[in-house]
Amino acid sequence: MCALHGHHHDHDHEHTKNEKATGQLRAEHEGIRLMIKILEKVSEDINNAKVDDLEKMVEFIKVFADKCHHAKEETLLFPALEEAGVPNEGGPIGVMLMEHDMGRSFVAGMSEALEKMKAGNKEAGKEFVENALGYGNLLTSHIEKENNILFHMAEMSFSKEKDEELFEGFEKVETERIGAGKHDEFHALLDRLAEEYLK
C-alpha cells in the first residue's frame, strides 16, 4: 500500500467519524513531508549529493506523491466532494488541482536538472535545488490546506458507507497504478534516506 503506516499523524481534531479514507491520505502526507525535509537537507550541499539517491527521491515523488497519492485525490476524493456540493471551478478543489499541476512542473524540472547533472553539467545542481525547494514550499502549504480544510469537509460530508467505498477505491488505485510491494520499498527508502540525511 501507498500509505506509510509508520508515519501516522496523530489526529488533533475532536471528531473521529468517517475518516478512514482521509486518514490514509493524511498518513501519506506525512511521508511526503518527510521527503521534503530530506530534499531540503540535500539541497544545502547539492554538489556532494549522491546522484543515485537524488534519483530515488525524484522517483518517490513521481510515483508515491503523484501517481499514487494525487491520483487518489483526483480520481476519487475530489469527485466525491463535488457530489457532496463542494465547488470545483473557483472553489477549493480547483485550487488543489492547479497546485498538483504546479507540483508536477517542479518535479519535471528536478528530473531535467538531474539528467544534466549526470551528464556532468556543473550548473545543473542549482537548477535541481530551485525546483526541489519550489516543490517543497508549494507542497507544504498545499498539504496544510488539504489537511485543515478539504479533509475536514470530507469528514463532515461523507457517510460511513461513502468513506468505506473511498477507502476501498484507494486500495485499488494503489494496486493498479503502482503495483503490490512498492509500498514496502518506498517505506524502506524513506527510512534509509531519513537516517542518512536527517541525522
N, C-alpha and C. Protein backbone atom coordinates (compact mmCIF):
# COMPACT_ATOMS: atom_id res chain seq x y z
N MET A 1 0.81 -1.21 0.00
CA MET A 1 0.00 0.00 0.00
C MET A 1 0.84 1.26 0.00
N CYS A 2 0.28 2.26 -0.58
CA CYS A 2 0.91 3.57 -0.69
C CYS A 2 1.04 4.24 0.66
N ALA A 3 0.04 4.05 1.52
CA ALA A 3 0.03 4.75 2.81
C ALA A 3 1.20 4.28 3.65
N LEU A 4 1.93 5.23 4.19
CA LEU A 4 3.08 4.88 5.01
C LEU A 4 2.62 4.78 6.46
N HIS A 5 2.29 3.56 6.85
CA HIS A 5 1.67 3.42 8.16
C HIS A 5 2.59 3.83 9.30
N GLY A 6 3.87 3.72 9.08
CA GLY A 6 4.81 4.06 10.14
C GLY A 6 4.82 5.54 10.45
N HIS A 7 4.25 6.35 9.59
CA HIS A 7 4.31 7.79 9.80
C HIS A 7 2.92 8.36 10.03
N HIS A 8 2.15 7.64 10.82
CA HIS A 8 0.78 8.10 11.08
C HIS A 8 0.74 9.44 11.80
N HIS A 9 -0.26 10.19 11.47
CA HIS A 9 -0.44 11.51 12.05
C HIS A 9 -1.35 11.36 13.26
N ASP A 10 -1.00 11.98 14.35
CA ASP A 10 -1.91 11.97 15.50
C ASP A 10 -3.06 12.90 15.19
N HIS A 11 -4.24 12.38 15.26
CA HIS A 11 -5.38 13.25 14.94
C HIS A 11 -5.53 14.30 16.01
N ASP A 12 -5.49 15.54 15.58
CA ASP A 12 -5.60 16.58 16.59
C ASP A 12 -6.97 17.24 16.51
N HIS A 13 -7.92 16.53 15.91
CA HIS A 13 -9.27 17.09 15.92
C HIS A 13 -10.19 16.14 16.67
N GLU A 14 -11.23 16.72 17.22
CA GLU A 14 -12.14 16.01 18.09
C GLU A 14 -12.79 14.85 17.39
N HIS A 15 -13.21 15.13 16.11
CA HIS A 15 -14.23 14.27 15.60
C HIS A 15 -13.64 13.09 14.84
N THR A 16 -14.16 11.90 15.12
CA THR A 16 -13.50 10.69 14.62
C THR A 16 -14.36 9.96 13.60
N LYS A 17 -15.45 10.56 13.20
CA LYS A 17 -16.37 9.90 12.28
C LYS A 17 -15.85 9.99 10.84
N ASN A 18 -16.02 8.94 10.09
CA ASN A 18 -15.78 8.97 8.64
C ASN A 18 -14.43 9.54 8.24
N GLU A 19 -13.39 8.95 8.79
CA GLU A 19 -12.11 9.47 8.36
C GLU A 19 -11.11 8.36 8.02
N LYS A 20 -11.66 7.23 7.62
CA LYS A 20 -10.78 6.12 7.25
C LYS A 20 -10.02 6.49 5.96
N ALA A 21 -10.77 7.02 4.99
CA ALA A 21 -10.15 7.39 3.71
C ALA A 21 -9.19 8.57 3.89
N THR A 22 -9.66 9.62 4.57
CA THR A 22 -8.79 10.79 4.76
C THR A 22 -7.63 10.43 5.68
N GLY A 23 -7.82 9.48 6.59
CA GLY A 23 -6.74 9.03 7.47
C GLY A 23 -5.58 8.49 6.64
N GLN A 24 -5.93 7.73 5.60
CA GLN A 24 -4.88 7.19 4.73
C GLN A 24 -4.16 8.34 3.99
N LEU A 25 -4.91 9.31 3.51
CA LEU A 25 -4.30 10.45 2.81
C LEU A 25 -3.43 11.28 3.75
N ARG A 26 -3.89 11.44 4.99
CA ARG A 26 -3.09 12.19 5.98
C ARG A 26 -1.77 11.48 6.25
N ALA A 27 -1.82 10.16 6.36
CA ALA A 27 -0.60 9.37 6.60
C ALA A 27 0.37 9.54 5.43
N GLU A 28 -0.17 9.55 4.22
CA GLU A 28 0.67 9.75 3.04
C GLU A 28 1.30 11.14 3.05
N HIS A 29 0.53 12.12 3.50
CA HIS A 29 1.08 13.48 3.61
C HIS A 29 2.32 13.50 4.51
N GLU A 30 2.29 12.70 5.57
CA GLU A 30 3.45 12.67 6.47
C GLU A 30 4.68 12.13 5.74
N GLY A 31 4.47 11.12 4.90
CA GLY A 31 5.57 10.58 4.10
C GLY A 31 6.13 11.62 3.13
N ILE A 32 5.23 12.37 2.51
CA ILE A 32 5.66 13.41 1.55
C ILE A 32 6.40 14.52 2.29
N ARG A 33 5.90 14.89 3.46
CA ARG A 33 6.57 15.93 4.26
C ARG A 33 7.98 15.52 4.65
N LEU A 34 8.13 14.25 5.00
CA LEU A 34 9.45 13.75 5.38
C LEU A 34 10.40 13.82 4.18
N MET A 35 9.90 13.44 3.01
CA MET A 35 10.74 13.51 1.80
C MET A 35 11.11 14.96 1.49
N ILE A 36 10.21 15.90 1.73
CA ILE A 36 10.52 17.32 1.51
C ILE A 36 11.67 17.75 2.44
N LYS A 37 11.64 17.29 3.68
CA LYS A 37 12.72 17.61 4.63
C LYS A 37 14.06 17.07 4.11
N ILE A 38 14.02 15.85 3.58
CA ILE A 38 15.24 15.23 3.05
C ILE A 38 15.75 16.04 1.85
N LEU A 39 14.84 16.43 0.97
CA LEU A 39 15.22 17.24 -0.20
C LEU A 39 15.83 18.57 0.22
N GLU A 40 15.26 19.18 1.24
CA GLU A 40 15.78 20.47 1.71
C GLU A 40 17.19 20.29 2.25
N LYS A 41 17.40 19.20 2.97
CA LYS A 41 18.72 18.93 3.55
C LYS A 41 19.76 18.71 2.46
N VAL A 42 19.38 17.89 1.48
CA VAL A 42 20.28 17.55 0.38
C VAL A 42 20.59 18.80 -0.47
N SER A 43 19.65 19.71 -0.52
CA SER A 43 19.82 20.93 -1.31
C SER A 43 20.89 21.86 -0.72
N GLU A 44 21.20 21.66 0.56
CA GLU A 44 22.21 22.52 1.20
C GLU A 44 23.60 22.26 0.63
N ASP A 45 23.82 21.04 0.12
CA ASP A 45 25.14 20.71 -0.42
C ASP A 45 24.96 19.81 -1.63
N ILE A 46 24.27 20.35 -2.62
CA ILE A 46 23.82 19.53 -3.75
C ILE A 46 24.97 18.91 -4.53
N ASN A 47 26.08 19.62 -4.64
CA ASN A 47 27.16 19.08 -5.48
C ASN A 47 27.87 17.89 -4.86
N ASN A 48 27.64 17.67 -3.57
CA ASN A 48 28.20 16.46 -2.95
C ASN A 48 27.14 15.39 -2.72
N ALA A 49 25.95 15.61 -3.24
CA ALA A 49 24.87 14.62 -3.04
C ALA A 49 25.11 13.42 -3.96
N LYS A 50 24.66 12.25 -3.51
CA LYS A 50 24.77 11.06 -4.36
C LYS A 50 23.65 11.11 -5.40
N VAL A 51 24.08 11.08 -6.65
CA VAL A 51 23.09 11.17 -7.74
C VAL A 51 22.08 10.03 -7.66
N ASP A 52 22.55 8.88 -7.24
CA ASP A 52 21.68 7.72 -7.12
C ASP A 52 20.54 8.00 -6.11
N ASP A 53 20.91 8.64 -5.00
CA ASP A 53 19.89 8.99 -4.00
C ASP A 53 18.93 10.04 -4.55
N LEU A 54 19.46 11.03 -5.27
CA LEU A 54 18.60 12.07 -5.85
C LEU A 54 17.58 11.44 -6.79
N GLU A 55 18.04 10.46 -7.56
CA GLU A 55 17.12 9.77 -8.49
C GLU A 55 16.01 9.08 -7.73
N LYS A 56 16.37 8.47 -6.60
CA LYS A 56 15.36 7.76 -5.80
C LYS A 56 14.37 8.75 -5.18
N MET A 57 14.86 9.92 -4.80
CA MET A 57 13.98 10.94 -4.22
C MET A 57 12.96 11.41 -5.26
N VAL A 58 13.46 11.63 -6.48
CA VAL A 58 12.57 12.08 -7.55
C VAL A 58 11.56 10.97 -7.89
N GLU A 59 12.03 9.72 -7.88
CA GLU A 59 11.12 8.62 -8.18
C GLU A 59 10.02 8.53 -7.10
N PHE A 60 10.40 8.71 -5.85
CA PHE A 60 9.43 8.68 -4.75
C PHE A 60 8.33 9.72 -5.00
N ILE A 61 8.75 10.94 -5.37
CA ILE A 61 7.77 12.00 -5.58
C ILE A 61 6.90 11.69 -6.80
N LYS A 62 7.53 11.22 -7.87
CA LYS A 62 6.76 10.92 -9.09
C LYS A 62 5.75 9.81 -8.85
N VAL A 63 6.19 8.75 -8.20
CA VAL A 63 5.34 7.57 -8.07
C VAL A 63 4.45 7.64 -6.83
N PHE A 64 5.07 7.88 -5.68
CA PHE A 64 4.30 7.88 -4.43
C PHE A 64 3.40 9.10 -4.33
N ALA A 65 3.99 10.30 -4.51
CA ALA A 65 3.21 11.53 -4.29
C ALA A 65 2.23 11.76 -5.43
N ASP A 66 2.66 11.49 -6.65
CA ASP A 66 1.82 11.87 -7.78
C ASP A 66 0.96 10.72 -8.30
N LYS A 67 1.62 9.66 -8.78
CA LYS A 67 0.86 8.56 -9.39
C LYS A 67 -0.07 7.88 -8.40
N CYS A 68 0.32 7.88 -7.14
CA CYS A 68 -0.49 7.18 -6.15
C CYS A 68 -1.35 8.14 -5.32
N HIS A 69 -0.71 9.04 -4.58
CA HIS A 69 -1.45 9.91 -3.66
C HIS A 69 -2.34 10.91 -4.39
N HIS A 70 -1.76 11.68 -5.30
CA HIS A 70 -2.57 12.66 -6.03
C HIS A 70 -3.65 11.99 -6.87
N ALA A 71 -3.33 10.82 -7.38
CA ALA A 71 -4.33 10.08 -8.18
C ALA A 71 -5.55 9.72 -7.33
N LYS A 72 -5.31 9.35 -6.08
CA LYS A 72 -6.45 9.02 -5.20
C LYS A 72 -7.33 10.24 -5.01
N GLU A 73 -6.69 11.40 -4.85
CA GLU A 73 -7.46 12.62 -4.64
C GLU A 73 -8.20 13.02 -5.91
N GLU A 74 -7.49 12.96 -7.04
CA GLU A 74 -8.09 13.45 -8.29
C GLU A 74 -9.16 12.54 -8.85
N THR A 75 -8.96 11.22 -8.72
CA THR A 75 -9.94 10.32 -9.34
C THR A 75 -11.08 9.95 -8.39
N LEU A 76 -10.85 10.05 -7.08
CA LEU A 76 -11.88 9.60 -6.14
C LEU A 76 -12.35 10.65 -5.15
N LEU A 77 -11.42 11.23 -4.40
CA LEU A 77 -11.82 12.16 -3.34
C LEU A 77 -12.49 13.42 -3.89
N PHE A 78 -11.84 14.08 -4.86
CA PHE A 78 -12.38 15.35 -5.37
C PHE A 78 -13.76 15.16 -6.02
N PRO A 79 -13.91 14.14 -6.89
CA PRO A 79 -15.27 13.94 -7.45
C PRO A 79 -16.32 13.67 -6.37
N ALA A 80 -15.94 12.95 -5.32
CA ALA A 80 -16.90 12.67 -4.22
C ALA A 80 -17.25 13.97 -3.50
N LEU A 81 -16.28 14.86 -3.34
CA LEU A 81 -16.55 16.15 -2.70
C LEU A 81 -17.46 17.01 -3.57
N GLU A 82 -17.23 16.96 -4.88
CA GLU A 82 -18.10 17.72 -5.80
C GLU A 82 -19.54 17.23 -5.70
N GLU A 83 -19.68 15.91 -5.65
CA GLU A 83 -21.03 15.32 -5.49
C GLU A 83 -21.68 15.82 -4.21
N ALA A 84 -20.85 16.03 -3.18
CA ALA A 84 -21.37 16.48 -1.89
C ALA A 84 -21.59 18.00 -1.88
N GLY A 85 -21.32 18.65 -3.01
CA GLY A 85 -21.63 20.08 -3.12
C GLY A 85 -20.46 21.04 -2.94
N VAL A 86 -19.24 20.50 -2.87
CA VAL A 86 -18.07 21.39 -2.76
C VAL A 86 -17.70 21.86 -4.17
N PRO A 87 -17.61 23.18 -4.41
CA PRO A 87 -17.34 23.63 -5.77
C PRO A 87 -15.93 23.31 -6.26
N ASN A 88 -15.83 23.03 -7.56
CA ASN A 88 -14.52 22.79 -8.18
C ASN A 88 -14.03 24.11 -8.76
N GLU A 89 -14.62 24.51 -9.91
CA GLU A 89 -14.26 25.80 -10.54
C GLU A 89 -14.41 26.93 -9.54
N GLY A 90 -13.35 27.67 -9.33
CA GLY A 90 -13.44 28.81 -8.43
C GLY A 90 -13.58 28.42 -6.97
N GLY A 91 -13.46 27.13 -6.67
CA GLY A 91 -13.57 26.67 -5.28
C GLY A 91 -12.30 25.96 -4.86
N PRO A 92 -12.32 25.34 -3.67
CA PRO A 92 -11.10 24.73 -3.14
C PRO A 92 -10.54 23.60 -4.00
N ILE A 93 -11.42 22.83 -4.66
CA ILE A 93 -10.94 21.71 -5.46
C ILE A 93 -10.12 22.21 -6.65
N GLY A 94 -10.63 23.27 -7.28
CA GLY A 94 -9.91 23.86 -8.42
C GLY A 94 -8.51 24.31 -8.02
N VAL A 95 -8.41 24.89 -6.83
CA VAL A 95 -7.11 25.35 -6.32
C VAL A 95 -6.17 24.15 -6.11
N MET A 96 -6.70 23.08 -5.52
CA MET A 96 -5.87 21.89 -5.27
C MET A 96 -5.36 21.29 -6.58
N LEU A 97 -6.25 21.22 -7.57
CA LEU A 97 -5.86 20.66 -8.87
C LEU A 97 -4.78 21.50 -9.52
N MET A 98 -4.92 22.81 -9.43
CA MET A 98 -3.92 23.72 -10.00
C MET A 98 -2.57 23.50 -9.31
N GLU A 99 -2.61 23.33 -7.99
CA GLU A 99 -1.37 23.13 -7.25
C GLU A 99 -0.73 21.77 -7.57
N HIS A 100 -1.55 20.75 -7.83
CA HIS A 100 -0.99 19.47 -8.25
C HIS A 100 -0.21 19.66 -9.55
N ASP A 101 -0.78 20.43 -10.46
CA ASP A 101 -0.10 20.68 -11.75
C ASP A 101 1.18 21.47 -11.55
N MET A 102 1.15 22.46 -10.67
CA MET A 102 2.36 23.23 -10.39
C MET A 102 3.44 22.30 -9.81
N GLY A 103 3.01 21.42 -8.94
CA GLY A 103 3.95 20.44 -8.35
C GLY A 103 4.58 19.59 -9.42
N ARG A 104 3.77 19.16 -10.39
CA ARG A 104 4.31 18.33 -11.48
C ARG A 104 5.35 19.07 -12.29
N SER A 105 5.17 20.39 -12.47
CA SER A 105 6.17 21.09 -13.27
C SER A 105 7.48 21.24 -12.49
N PHE A 106 7.42 21.37 -11.16
CA PHE A 106 8.65 21.38 -10.36
C PHE A 106 9.36 20.02 -10.45
N VAL A 107 8.58 18.95 -10.43
CA VAL A 107 9.16 17.60 -10.49
C VAL A 107 9.81 17.38 -11.85
N ALA A 108 9.16 17.87 -12.90
CA ALA A 108 9.76 17.76 -14.24
C ALA A 108 11.08 18.53 -14.28
N GLY A 109 11.11 19.70 -13.64
CA GLY A 109 12.34 20.50 -13.56
C GLY A 109 13.44 19.76 -12.82
N MET A 110 13.08 19.06 -11.74
CA MET A 110 14.06 18.28 -10.98
C MET A 110 14.62 17.15 -11.85
N SER A 111 13.75 16.48 -12.59
CA SER A 111 14.17 15.39 -13.48
C SER A 111 15.13 15.87 -14.55
N GLU A 112 14.78 16.99 -15.17
CA GLU A 112 15.64 17.54 -16.23
C GLU A 112 17.00 17.93 -15.66
N ALA A 113 17.00 18.58 -14.52
CA ALA A 113 18.26 19.00 -13.90
C ALA A 113 19.13 17.78 -13.56
N LEU A 114 18.48 16.72 -13.11
CA LEU A 114 19.20 15.50 -12.75
C LEU A 114 19.90 14.90 -13.96
N GLU A 115 19.18 14.87 -15.09
CA GLU A 115 19.80 14.35 -16.33
C GLU A 115 21.04 15.16 -16.68
N LYS A 116 20.95 16.48 -16.55
CA LYS A 116 22.10 17.35 -16.87
C LYS A 116 23.23 17.10 -15.88
N MET A 117 22.89 16.91 -14.61
CA MET A 117 23.92 16.63 -13.60
C MET A 117 24.66 15.34 -13.94
N LYS A 118 23.89 14.34 -14.37
CA LYS A 118 24.51 13.05 -14.72
C LYS A 118 25.43 13.20 -15.92
N ALA A 119 25.12 14.17 -16.78
CA ALA A 119 25.95 14.39 -17.96
C ALA A 119 27.14 15.31 -17.63
N GLY A 120 27.28 15.65 -16.35
CA GLY A 120 28.46 16.42 -15.93
C GLY A 120 28.29 17.93 -15.95
N ASN A 121 27.05 18.40 -16.12
CA ASN A 121 26.81 19.85 -16.13
C ASN A 121 26.86 20.39 -14.70
N LYS A 122 27.85 21.22 -14.43
CA LYS A 122 28.08 21.72 -13.06
C LYS A 122 27.01 22.72 -12.60
N GLU A 123 26.38 23.39 -13.55
CA GLU A 123 25.36 24.40 -13.19
C GLU A 123 24.02 23.77 -12.82
N ALA A 124 23.85 22.51 -13.22
CA ALA A 124 22.53 21.88 -13.09
C ALA A 124 22.12 21.64 -11.64
N GLY A 125 23.10 21.57 -10.73
CA GLY A 125 22.79 21.36 -9.32
C GLY A 125 21.91 22.47 -8.79
N LYS A 126 22.23 23.69 -9.23
CA LYS A 126 21.48 24.88 -8.79
C LYS A 126 20.03 24.79 -9.27
N GLU A 127 19.90 24.31 -10.51
CA GLU A 127 18.57 24.14 -11.12
C GLU A 127 17.76 23.11 -10.34
N PHE A 128 18.44 22.01 -9.95
CA PHE A 128 17.77 20.97 -9.17
C PHE A 128 17.25 21.56 -7.86
N VAL A 129 18.13 22.31 -7.18
CA VAL A 129 17.78 22.91 -5.88
C VAL A 129 16.60 23.86 -6.00
N GLU A 130 16.61 24.71 -7.03
CA GLU A 130 15.50 25.66 -7.21
C GLU A 130 14.16 24.93 -7.32
N ASN A 131 14.16 23.87 -8.13
CA ASN A 131 12.92 23.11 -8.32
C ASN A 131 12.54 22.31 -7.08
N ALA A 132 13.54 21.75 -6.40
CA ALA A 132 13.27 20.97 -5.19
C ALA A 132 12.69 21.86 -4.09
N LEU A 133 13.27 23.04 -3.92
CA LEU A 133 12.77 23.94 -2.87
C LEU A 133 11.41 24.53 -3.26
N GLY A 134 11.23 24.80 -4.54
CA GLY A 134 9.92 25.28 -5.03
C GLY A 134 8.84 24.25 -4.75
N TYR A 135 9.18 22.98 -5.03
CA TYR A 135 8.24 21.89 -4.78
C TYR A 135 7.93 21.79 -3.28
N GLY A 136 8.98 21.86 -2.47
CA GLY A 136 8.80 21.75 -1.01
C GLY A 136 7.91 22.83 -0.45
N ASN A 137 8.14 24.07 -0.88
CA ASN A 137 7.31 25.19 -0.39
C ASN A 137 5.87 25.03 -0.81
N LEU A 138 5.68 24.69 -2.08
CA LEU A 138 4.33 24.53 -2.62
C LEU A 138 3.59 23.41 -1.87
N LEU A 139 4.24 22.25 -1.79
CA LEU A 139 3.56 21.09 -1.20
C LEU A 139 3.31 21.26 0.30
N THR A 140 4.19 21.98 0.98
CA THR A 140 3.99 22.18 2.42
C THR A 140 2.70 22.95 2.66
N SER A 141 2.48 24.04 1.91
CA SER A 141 1.25 24.81 2.13
C SER A 141 0.04 24.06 1.56
N HIS A 142 0.25 23.32 0.47
CA HIS A 142 -0.81 22.53 -0.15
C HIS A 142 -1.34 21.48 0.85
N ILE A 143 -0.41 20.78 1.49
CA ILE A 143 -0.77 19.74 2.46
C ILE A 143 -1.54 20.34 3.65
N GLU A 144 -1.08 21.50 4.12
CA GLU A 144 -1.79 22.20 5.21
C GLU A 144 -3.24 22.45 4.83
N LYS A 145 -3.43 22.96 3.60
CA LYS A 145 -4.79 23.30 3.15
C LYS A 145 -5.66 22.04 3.07
N GLU A 146 -5.07 20.96 2.53
CA GLU A 146 -5.86 19.73 2.41
C GLU A 146 -6.19 19.18 3.79
N ASN A 147 -5.17 19.10 4.65
CA ASN A 147 -5.39 18.54 5.99
C ASN A 147 -6.42 19.34 6.79
N ASN A 148 -6.31 20.67 6.72
CA ASN A 148 -7.12 21.50 7.61
C ASN A 148 -8.45 21.95 7.03
N ILE A 149 -8.56 21.96 5.71
CA ILE A 149 -9.82 22.44 5.13
C ILE A 149 -10.54 21.32 4.38
N LEU A 150 -9.90 20.82 3.33
CA LEU A 150 -10.59 19.88 2.44
C LEU A 150 -10.95 18.57 3.13
N PHE A 151 -10.01 18.02 3.90
CA PHE A 151 -10.29 16.74 4.54
C PHE A 151 -11.38 16.89 5.60
N HIS A 152 -11.40 18.04 6.27
CA HIS A 152 -12.49 18.29 7.23
C HIS A 152 -13.83 18.29 6.52
N MET A 153 -13.87 18.92 5.34
CA MET A 153 -15.12 18.94 4.57
C MET A 153 -15.54 17.50 4.25
N ALA A 154 -14.57 16.69 3.85
CA ALA A 154 -14.87 15.30 3.50
C ALA A 154 -15.40 14.56 4.71
N GLU A 155 -14.74 14.73 5.85
CA GLU A 155 -15.14 14.00 7.06
C GLU A 155 -16.53 14.40 7.53
N MET A 156 -16.88 15.67 7.30
CA MET A 156 -18.21 16.13 7.69
C MET A 156 -19.29 15.69 6.69
N SER A 157 -18.89 15.60 5.41
CA SER A 157 -19.90 15.38 4.36
C SER A 157 -20.20 13.92 4.09
N PHE A 158 -19.20 13.04 4.21
CA PHE A 158 -19.39 11.66 3.75
C PHE A 158 -20.05 10.78 4.80
N SER A 159 -20.88 9.88 4.31
CA SER A 159 -21.46 8.87 5.20
C SER A 159 -20.38 7.81 5.45
N LYS A 160 -20.66 6.94 6.41
CA LYS A 160 -19.73 5.85 6.73
C LYS A 160 -19.54 4.97 5.49
N GLU A 161 -20.63 4.77 4.75
CA GLU A 161 -20.58 3.92 3.54
C GLU A 161 -19.67 4.56 2.49
N LYS A 162 -19.84 5.87 2.31
CA LYS A 162 -19.03 6.59 1.30
C LYS A 162 -17.56 6.53 1.69
N ASP A 163 -17.29 6.70 2.97
CA ASP A 163 -15.92 6.65 3.46
C ASP A 163 -15.28 5.29 3.15
N GLU A 164 -16.03 4.22 3.44
CA GLU A 164 -15.55 2.86 3.17
C GLU A 164 -15.31 2.66 1.68
N GLU A 165 -16.24 3.15 0.89
CA GLU A 165 -16.16 3.00 -0.58
C GLU A 165 -14.90 3.70 -1.11
N LEU A 166 -14.64 4.89 -0.59
CA LEU A 166 -13.44 5.63 -1.00
C LEU A 166 -12.18 4.88 -0.59
N PHE A 167 -12.19 4.37 0.65
CA PHE A 167 -11.02 3.65 1.16
C PHE A 167 -10.71 2.46 0.26
N GLU A 168 -11.76 1.73 -0.10
CA GLU A 168 -11.56 0.56 -0.99
C GLU A 168 -11.07 1.01 -2.36
N GLY A 169 -11.61 2.14 -2.84
CA GLY A 169 -11.16 2.68 -4.12
C GLY A 169 -9.69 3.06 -4.08
N PHE A 170 -9.25 3.59 -2.94
CA PHE A 170 -7.84 3.98 -2.79
C PHE A 170 -6.93 2.76 -2.91
N GLU A 171 -7.37 1.64 -2.29
CA GLU A 171 -6.57 0.42 -2.34
C GLU A 171 -6.41 -0.04 -3.79
N LYS A 172 -7.49 0.12 -4.55
CA LYS A 172 -7.49 -0.30 -5.94
C LYS A 172 -6.54 0.58 -6.77
N VAL A 173 -6.58 1.87 -6.53
CA VAL A 173 -5.68 2.80 -7.23
C VAL A 173 -4.23 2.36 -7.03
N GLU A 174 -3.92 2.01 -5.78
CA GLU A 174 -2.57 1.59 -5.47
C GLU A 174 -2.13 0.39 -6.25
N THR A 175 -2.97 -0.64 -6.23
CA THR A 175 -2.63 -1.88 -6.92
C THR A 175 -2.49 -1.63 -8.41
N GLU A 176 -3.44 -0.85 -8.98
CA GLU A 176 -3.42 -0.62 -10.43
C GLU A 176 -2.29 0.31 -10.86
N ARG A 177 -2.05 1.38 -10.07
CA ARG A 177 -1.08 2.38 -10.52
C ARG A 177 0.36 2.03 -10.20
N ILE A 178 0.58 1.44 -9.03
CA ILE A 178 1.98 1.22 -8.68
C ILE A 178 2.32 -0.24 -8.36
N GLY A 179 1.31 -1.08 -8.23
CA GLY A 179 1.58 -2.50 -8.01
C GLY A 179 1.89 -2.83 -6.55
N ALA A 180 1.63 -4.07 -6.20
CA ALA A 180 1.85 -4.53 -4.82
C ALA A 180 3.34 -4.54 -4.52
N GLY A 181 3.66 -4.35 -3.26
CA GLY A 181 5.08 -4.44 -2.86
C GLY A 181 5.84 -3.13 -2.95
N LYS A 182 5.34 -2.22 -3.77
CA LYS A 182 6.04 -0.95 -3.96
C LYS A 182 5.99 -0.13 -2.67
N HIS A 183 4.90 -0.25 -1.95
CA HIS A 183 4.75 0.47 -0.68
C HIS A 183 5.91 0.18 0.27
N ASP A 184 6.21 -1.12 0.43
CA ASP A 184 7.27 -1.51 1.36
C ASP A 184 8.61 -0.96 0.92
N GLU A 185 8.84 -0.98 -0.39
CA GLU A 185 10.09 -0.43 -0.94
C GLU A 185 10.21 1.05 -0.59
N PHE A 186 9.12 1.79 -0.80
CA PHE A 186 9.14 3.23 -0.52
C PHE A 186 9.34 3.49 0.98
N HIS A 187 8.71 2.66 1.78
CA HIS A 187 8.81 2.80 3.23
C HIS A 187 10.28 2.64 3.64
N ALA A 188 10.92 1.60 3.12
CA ALA A 188 12.32 1.32 3.44
C ALA A 188 13.22 2.45 2.92
N LEU A 189 12.91 2.93 1.73
CA LEU A 189 13.70 4.03 1.14
C LEU A 189 13.62 5.28 2.02
N LEU A 190 12.42 5.61 2.42
CA LEU A 190 12.20 6.81 3.24
C LEU A 190 12.97 6.69 4.56
N ASP A 191 12.88 5.52 5.17
CA ASP A 191 13.60 5.29 6.43
C ASP A 191 15.11 5.42 6.23
N ARG A 192 15.62 4.81 5.16
CA ARG A 192 17.06 4.88 4.90
C ARG A 192 17.54 6.30 4.65
N LEU A 193 16.80 7.03 3.79
CA LEU A 193 17.21 8.40 3.47
C LEU A 193 17.10 9.33 4.68
N ALA A 194 16.07 9.14 5.48
CA ALA A 194 15.90 9.96 6.68
C ALA A 194 17.05 9.71 7.64
N GLU A 195 17.40 8.44 7.78
CA GLU A 195 18.50 8.04 8.65
C GLU A 195 19.82 8.69 8.19
N GLU A 196 20.01 8.68 6.88
CA GLU A 196 21.27 9.16 6.31
C GLU A 196 21.37 10.70 6.28
N TYR A 197 20.27 11.34 5.92
CA TYR A 197 20.34 12.80 5.68
C TYR A 197 19.83 13.66 6.84
N LEU A 198 19.03 13.08 7.72
CA LEU A 198 18.40 13.91 8.76
C LEU A 198 18.95 13.63 10.15
N LYS A 199 20.11 12.99 10.19
CA LYS A 199 20.72 12.67 11.49
C LYS A 199 21.00 13.94 12.27
